[in-house]
Amino acid sequence: MLTPGRYVGAAQQEDDGEPFAEKMARLSAQWRELREEAARLDVAIEANLKELGF
């Protein structure tokens, strides 16, 4: 059987009461913000490495 929960013990989660569409919209927006922050950090890290000669 290829059900992951059978082998790794995935616990049943309680419903948080937030409608699915609202939750997906919130999480999608949060994900996009985090991607933008990651891109900014990548640029800063690259600049720092270049400044250090790497």
PDB file of N, CA and C in Angstrom:
ATOM      1  N   MET A   1       0.843  -1.175   0.000  1.00  0.00           N
ATOM      2  CA  MET A   1       0.000   0.000   0.000  1.00  0.00           C
ATOM      3  C   MET A   1       0.893   1.245   0.000  1.00  0.00           C
ATOM      4  N   LEU A   2       0.558   2.237  -0.801  1.00  0.00           N
ATOM      5  CA  LEU A   2       1.405   3.416  -0.958  1.00  0.00           C
ATOM      6  C   LEU A   2       0.867   4.655  -0.242  1.00  0.00           C
ATOM      7  N   THR A   3       0.073   4.477   0.771  1.00  0.00           N
ATOM      8  CA  THR A   3      -0.458   5.604   1.532  1.00  0.00           C
ATOM      9  C   THR A   3       0.599   6.057   2.537  1.00  0.00           C
ATOM     10  N   PRO A   4       1.139   7.303   2.385  1.00  0.00           N
ATOM     11  CA  PRO A   4       2.222   7.752   3.269  1.00  0.00           C
ATOM     12  C   PRO A   4       1.853   7.719   4.744  1.00  0.00           C
ATOM     13  N   GLY A   5       0.634   8.062   5.086  1.00  0.00           N
ATOM     14  CA  GLY A   5       0.222   8.082   6.485  1.00  0.00           C
ATOM     15  C   GLY A   5       0.359   6.742   7.160  1.00  0.00           C
ATOM     16  N   ARG A   6       0.288   5.700   6.393  1.00  0.00           N
ATOM     17  CA  ARG A   6       0.411   4.356   6.957  1.00  0.00           C
ATOM     18  C   ARG A   6       1.822   4.126   7.505  1.00  0.00           C
ATOM     19  N   TYR A   7       2.814   4.769   6.907  1.00  0.00           N
ATOM     20  CA  TYR A   7       4.198   4.510   7.266  1.00  0.00           C
ATOM     21  C   TYR A   7       4.833   5.593   8.132  1.00  0.00           C
ATOM     22  N   VAL A   8       4.348   6.792   8.066  1.00  0.00           N
ATOM     23  CA  VAL A   8       4.972   7.877   8.824  1.00  0.00           C
ATOM     24  C   VAL A   8       4.079   8.421   9.934  1.00  0.00           C
ATOM     25  N   GLY A   9       2.908   7.880  10.110  1.00  0.00           N
ATOM     26  CA  GLY A   9       2.053   8.274  11.225  1.00  0.00           C
ATOM     27  C   GLY A   9       1.465   9.656  11.110  1.00  0.00           C
ATOM     28  N   ALA A  10       0.925  10.033   9.957  1.00  0.00           N
ATOM     29  CA  ALA A  10       0.290  11.340   9.793  1.00  0.00           C
ATOM     30  C   ALA A  10      -0.937  11.425  10.702  1.00  0.00           C
ATOM     31  N   ALA A  11      -0.927  12.417  11.579  1.00  0.00           N
ATOM     32  CA  ALA A  11      -2.022  12.571  12.534  1.00  0.00           C
ATOM     33  C   ALA A  11      -3.176  13.342  11.902  1.00  0.00           C
ATOM     34  N   GLN A  12      -4.378  12.994  12.296  1.00  0.00           N
ATOM     35  CA  GLN A  12      -5.563  13.694  11.840  1.00  0.00           C
ATOM     36  C   GLN A  12      -5.556  15.098  12.424  1.00  0.00           C
ATOM     37  N   GLN A  13      -5.799  16.109  11.587  1.00  0.00           N
ATOM     38  CA  GLN A  13      -5.810  17.486  12.062  1.00  0.00           C
ATOM     39  C   GLN A  13      -7.245  17.969  12.212  1.00  0.00           C
ATOM     40  N   GLU A  14      -7.449  18.785  13.241  1.00  0.00           N
ATOM     41  CA  GLU A  14      -8.770  19.345  13.466  1.00  0.00           C
ATOM     42  C   GLU A  14      -9.023  20.488  12.498  1.00  0.00           C
ATOM     43  N   ASP A  15     -10.291  20.686  12.153  1.00  0.00           N
ATOM     44  CA  ASP A  15     -10.694  21.789  11.291  1.00  0.00           C
ATOM     45  C   ASP A  15     -10.524  23.089  12.060  1.00  0.00           C
ATOM     46  N   ASP A  16      -9.842  24.064  11.449  1.00  0.00           N
ATOM     47  CA  ASP A  16      -9.607  25.331  12.128  1.00  0.00           C
ATOM     48  C   ASP A  16     -10.748  26.322  11.936  1.00  0.00           C
ATOM     49  N   GLY A  17     -11.742  25.949  11.157  1.00  0.00           N
ATOM     50  CA  GLY A  17     -12.906  26.800  10.966  1.00  0.00           C
ATOM     51  C   GLY A  17     -12.749  27.849   9.883  1.00  0.00           C
ATOM     52  N   GLU A  18     -11.553  27.990   9.335  1.00  0.00           N
ATOM     53  CA  GLU A  18     -11.314  28.969   8.279  1.00  0.00           C
ATOM     54  C   GLU A  18     -11.748  28.356   6.950  1.00  0.00           C
ATOM     55  N   PRO A  19     -12.621  29.028   6.210  1.00  0.00           N
ATOM     56  CA  PRO A  19     -13.049  28.482   4.913  1.00  0.00           C
ATOM     57  C   PRO A  19     -11.854  28.256   3.990  1.00  0.00           C
ATOM     58  N   PHE A  20     -11.921  27.172   3.221  1.00  0.00           N
ATOM     59  CA  PHE A  20     -10.814  26.760   2.371  1.00  0.00           C
ATOM     60  C   PHE A  20     -10.366  27.878   1.432  1.00  0.00           C
ATOM     61  N   ALA A  21     -11.305  28.525   0.748  1.00  0.00           N
ATOM     62  CA  ALA A  21     -10.956  29.564  -0.224  1.00  0.00           C
ATOM     63  C   ALA A  21     -10.204  30.717   0.452  1.00  0.00           C
ATOM     64  N   GLU A  22     -10.651  31.110   1.635  1.00  0.00           N
ATOM     65  CA  GLU A  22      -9.990  32.195   2.363  1.00  0.00           C
ATOM     66  C   GLU A  22      -8.595  31.768   2.818  1.00  0.00           C
ATOM     67  N   LYS A  23      -8.497  30.534   3.287  1.00  0.00           N
ATOM     68  CA  LYS A  23      -7.212  30.035   3.757  1.00  0.00           C
ATOM     69  C   LYS A  23      -6.208  29.952   2.606  1.00  0.00           C
ATOM     70  N   MET A  24      -6.651  29.461   1.456  1.00  0.00           N
ATOM     71  CA  MET A  24      -5.766  29.365   0.303  1.00  0.00           C
ATOM     72  C   MET A  24      -5.336  30.741  -0.174  1.00  0.00           C
ATOM     73  N   ALA A  25      -6.243  31.709  -0.161  1.00  0.00           N
ATOM     74  CA  ALA A  25      -5.900  33.074  -0.568  1.00  0.00           C
ATOM     75  C   ALA A  25      -4.854  33.661   0.384  1.00  0.00           C
ATOM     76  N   ARG A  26      -5.053  33.458   1.679  1.00  0.00           N
ATOM     77  CA  ARG A  26      -4.119  33.965   2.687  1.00  0.00           C
ATOM     78  C   ARG A  26      -2.757  33.305   2.548  1.00  0.00           C
ATOM     79  N   LEU A  27      -2.753  31.977   2.426  1.00  0.00           N
ATOM     80  CA  LEU A  27      -1.493  31.257   2.324  1.00  0.00           C
ATOM     81  C   LEU A  27      -0.770  31.559   1.011  1.00  0.00           C
ATOM     82  N   SER A  28      -1.514  31.737  -0.072  1.00  0.00           N
ATOM     83  CA  SER A  28      -0.905  32.079  -1.361  1.00  0.00           C
ATOM     84  C   SER A  28      -0.245  33.448  -1.292  1.00  0.00           C
ATOM     85  N   ALA A  29      -0.920  34.406  -0.670  1.00  0.00           N
ATOM     86  CA  ALA A  29      -0.358  35.747  -0.522  1.00  0.00           C
ATOM     87  C   ALA A  29       0.897  35.702   0.344  1.00  0.00           C
ATOM     88  N   GLN A  30       0.837  34.935   1.418  1.00  0.00           N
ATOM     89  CA  GLN A  30       1.990  34.799   2.306  1.00  0.00           C
ATOM     90  C   GLN A  30       3.157  34.150   1.558  1.00  0.00           C
ATOM     91  N   TRP A  31       2.881  33.131   0.763  1.00  0.00           N
ATOM     92  CA  TRP A  31       3.914  32.456  -0.020  1.00  0.00           C
ATOM     93  C   TRP A  31       4.568  33.413  -1.011  1.00  0.00           C
ATOM     94  N   ARG A  32       3.753  34.241  -1.675  1.00  0.00           N
ATOM     95  CA  ARG A  32       4.300  35.205  -2.628  1.00  0.00           C
ATOM     96  C   ARG A  32       5.200  36.227  -1.934  1.00  0.00           C
ATOM     97  N   GLU A  33       4.774  36.695  -0.763  1.00  0.00           N
ATOM     98  CA  GLU A  33       5.592  37.634   0.000  1.00  0.00           C
ATOM     99  C   GLU A  33       6.926  37.007   0.389  1.00  0.00           C
ATOM    100  N   LEU A  34       6.885  35.747   0.805  1.00  0.00           N
ATOM    101  CA  LEU A  34       8.105  35.064   1.204  1.00  0.00           C
ATOM    102  C   LEU A  34       9.029  34.846   0.007  1.00  0.00           C
ATOM    103  N   ARG A  35       8.473  34.586  -1.164  1.00  0.00           N
ATOM    104  CA  ARG A  35       9.288  34.431  -2.370  1.00  0.00           C
ATOM    105  C   ARG A  35       9.978  35.742  -2.718  1.00  0.00           C
ATOM    106  N   GLU A  36       9.254  36.866  -2.581  1.00  0.00           N
ATOM    107  CA  GLU A  36       9.847  38.173  -2.847  1.00  0.00           C
ATOM    108  C   GLU A  36      10.979  38.462  -1.867  1.00  0.00           C
ATOM    109  N   GLU A  37      10.757  38.154  -0.602  1.00  0.00           N
ATOM    110  CA  GLU A  37      11.804  38.360   0.409  1.00  0.00           C
ATOM    111  C   GLU A  37      13.018  37.479   0.105  1.00  0.00           C
ATOM    112  N   ALA A  38      12.773  36.240  -0.300  1.00  0.00           N
ATOM    113  CA  ALA A  38      13.875  35.338  -0.639  1.00  0.00           C
ATOM    114  C   ALA A  38      14.684  35.890  -1.809  1.00  0.00           C
ATOM    115  N   ALA A  39      14.013  36.456  -2.795  1.00  0.00           N
ATOM    116  CA  ALA A  39      14.712  37.028  -3.945  1.00  0.00           C
ATOM    117  C   ALA A  39      15.577  38.207  -3.504  1.00  0.00           C
ATOM    118  N   ARG A  40      15.040  39.064  -2.630  1.00  0.00           N
ATOM    119  CA  ARG A  40      15.822  40.201  -2.117  1.00  0.00           C
ATOM    120  C   ARG A  40      17.043  39.704  -1.342  1.00  0.00           C
ATOM    121  N   LEU A  41      16.851  38.676  -0.532  1.00  0.00           N
ATOM    122  CA  LEU A  41      17.961  38.139   0.245  1.00  0.00           C
ATOM    123  C   LEU A  41      19.013  37.499  -0.656  1.00  0.00           C
ATOM    124  N   ASP A  42      18.573  36.832  -1.722  1.00  0.00           N
ATOM    125  CA  ASP A  42      19.517  36.252  -2.676  1.00  0.00           C
ATOM    126  C   ASP A  42      20.405  37.323  -3.285  1.00  0.00           C
ATOM    127  N   VAL A  43      19.811  38.454  -3.642  1.00  0.00           N
ATOM    128  CA  VAL A  43      20.581  39.558  -4.225  1.00  0.00           C
ATOM    129  C   VAL A  43      21.580  40.091  -3.199  1.00  0.00           C
ATOM    130  N   ALA A  44      21.149  40.255  -1.961  1.00  0.00           N
ATOM    131  CA  ALA A  44      22.029  40.771  -0.914  1.00  0.00           C
ATOM    132  C   ALA A  44      23.175  39.798  -0.636  1.00  0.00           C
ATOM    133  N   ILE A  45      22.881  38.526  -0.591  1.00  0.00           N
ATOM    134  CA  ILE A  45      23.917  37.517  -0.343  1.00  0.00           C
ATOM    135  C   ILE A  45      24.921  37.504  -1.484  1.00  0.00           C
ATOM    136  N   GLU A  46      24.411  37.555  -2.707  1.00  0.00           N
ATOM    137  CA  GLU A  46      25.295  37.572  -3.871  1.00  0.00           C
ATOM    138  C   GLU A  46      26.207  38.797  -3.838  1.00  0.00           C
ATOM    139  N   ALA A  47      25.666  39.946  -3.499  1.00  0.00           N
ATOM    140  CA  ALA A  47      26.465  41.171  -3.397  1.00  0.00           C
ATOM    141  C   ALA A  47      27.533  41.042  -2.324  1.00  0.00           C
ATOM    142  N   ASN A  48      27.171  40.476  -1.178  1.00  0.00           N
ATOM    143  CA  ASN A  48      28.136  40.285  -0.095  1.00  0.00           C
ATOM    144  C   ASN A  48      29.242  39.328  -0.494  1.00  0.00           C
ATOM    145  N   LEU A  49      28.879  38.244  -1.179  1.00  0.00           N
ATOM    146  CA  LEU A  49      29.895  37.289  -1.628  1.00  0.00           C
ATOM    147  C   LEU A  49      30.837  37.940  -2.646  1.00  0.00           C
ATOM    148  N   LYS A  50      30.257  38.722  -3.542  1.00  0.00           N
ATOM    149  CA  LYS A  50      31.078  39.401  -4.554  1.00  0.00           C
ATOM    150  C   LYS A  50      32.037  40.375  -3.873  1.00  0.00           C
ATOM    151  N   GLU A  51      31.544  41.092  -2.869  1.00  0.00           N
ATOM    152  CA  GLU A  51      32.379  42.039  -2.138  1.00  0.00           C
ATOM    153  C   GLU A  51      33.531  41.330  -1.432  1.00  0.00           C
ATOM    154  N   LEU A  52      33.283  40.101  -0.986  1.00  0.00           N
ATOM    155  CA  LEU A  52      34.321  39.315  -0.308  1.00  0.00           C
ATOM    156  C   LEU A  52      35.243  38.598  -1.288  1.00  0.00           C
ATOM    157  N   GLY A  53      34.935  38.707  -2.584  1.00  0.00           N
ATOM    158  CA  GLY A  53      35.801  38.116  -3.577  1.00  0.00           C
ATOM    159  C   GLY A  53      35.443  36.698  -3.973  1.00  0.00           C
ATOM    160  N   PHE A  54      34.231  36.314  -3.712  1.00  0.00           N
ATOM    161  CA  PHE A  54      33.802  34.959  -4.066  1.00  0.00           C
ATOM    162  C   PHE A  54      32.790  34.970  -5.182  1.00  0.00           C
TER     163      PHE A  54
END
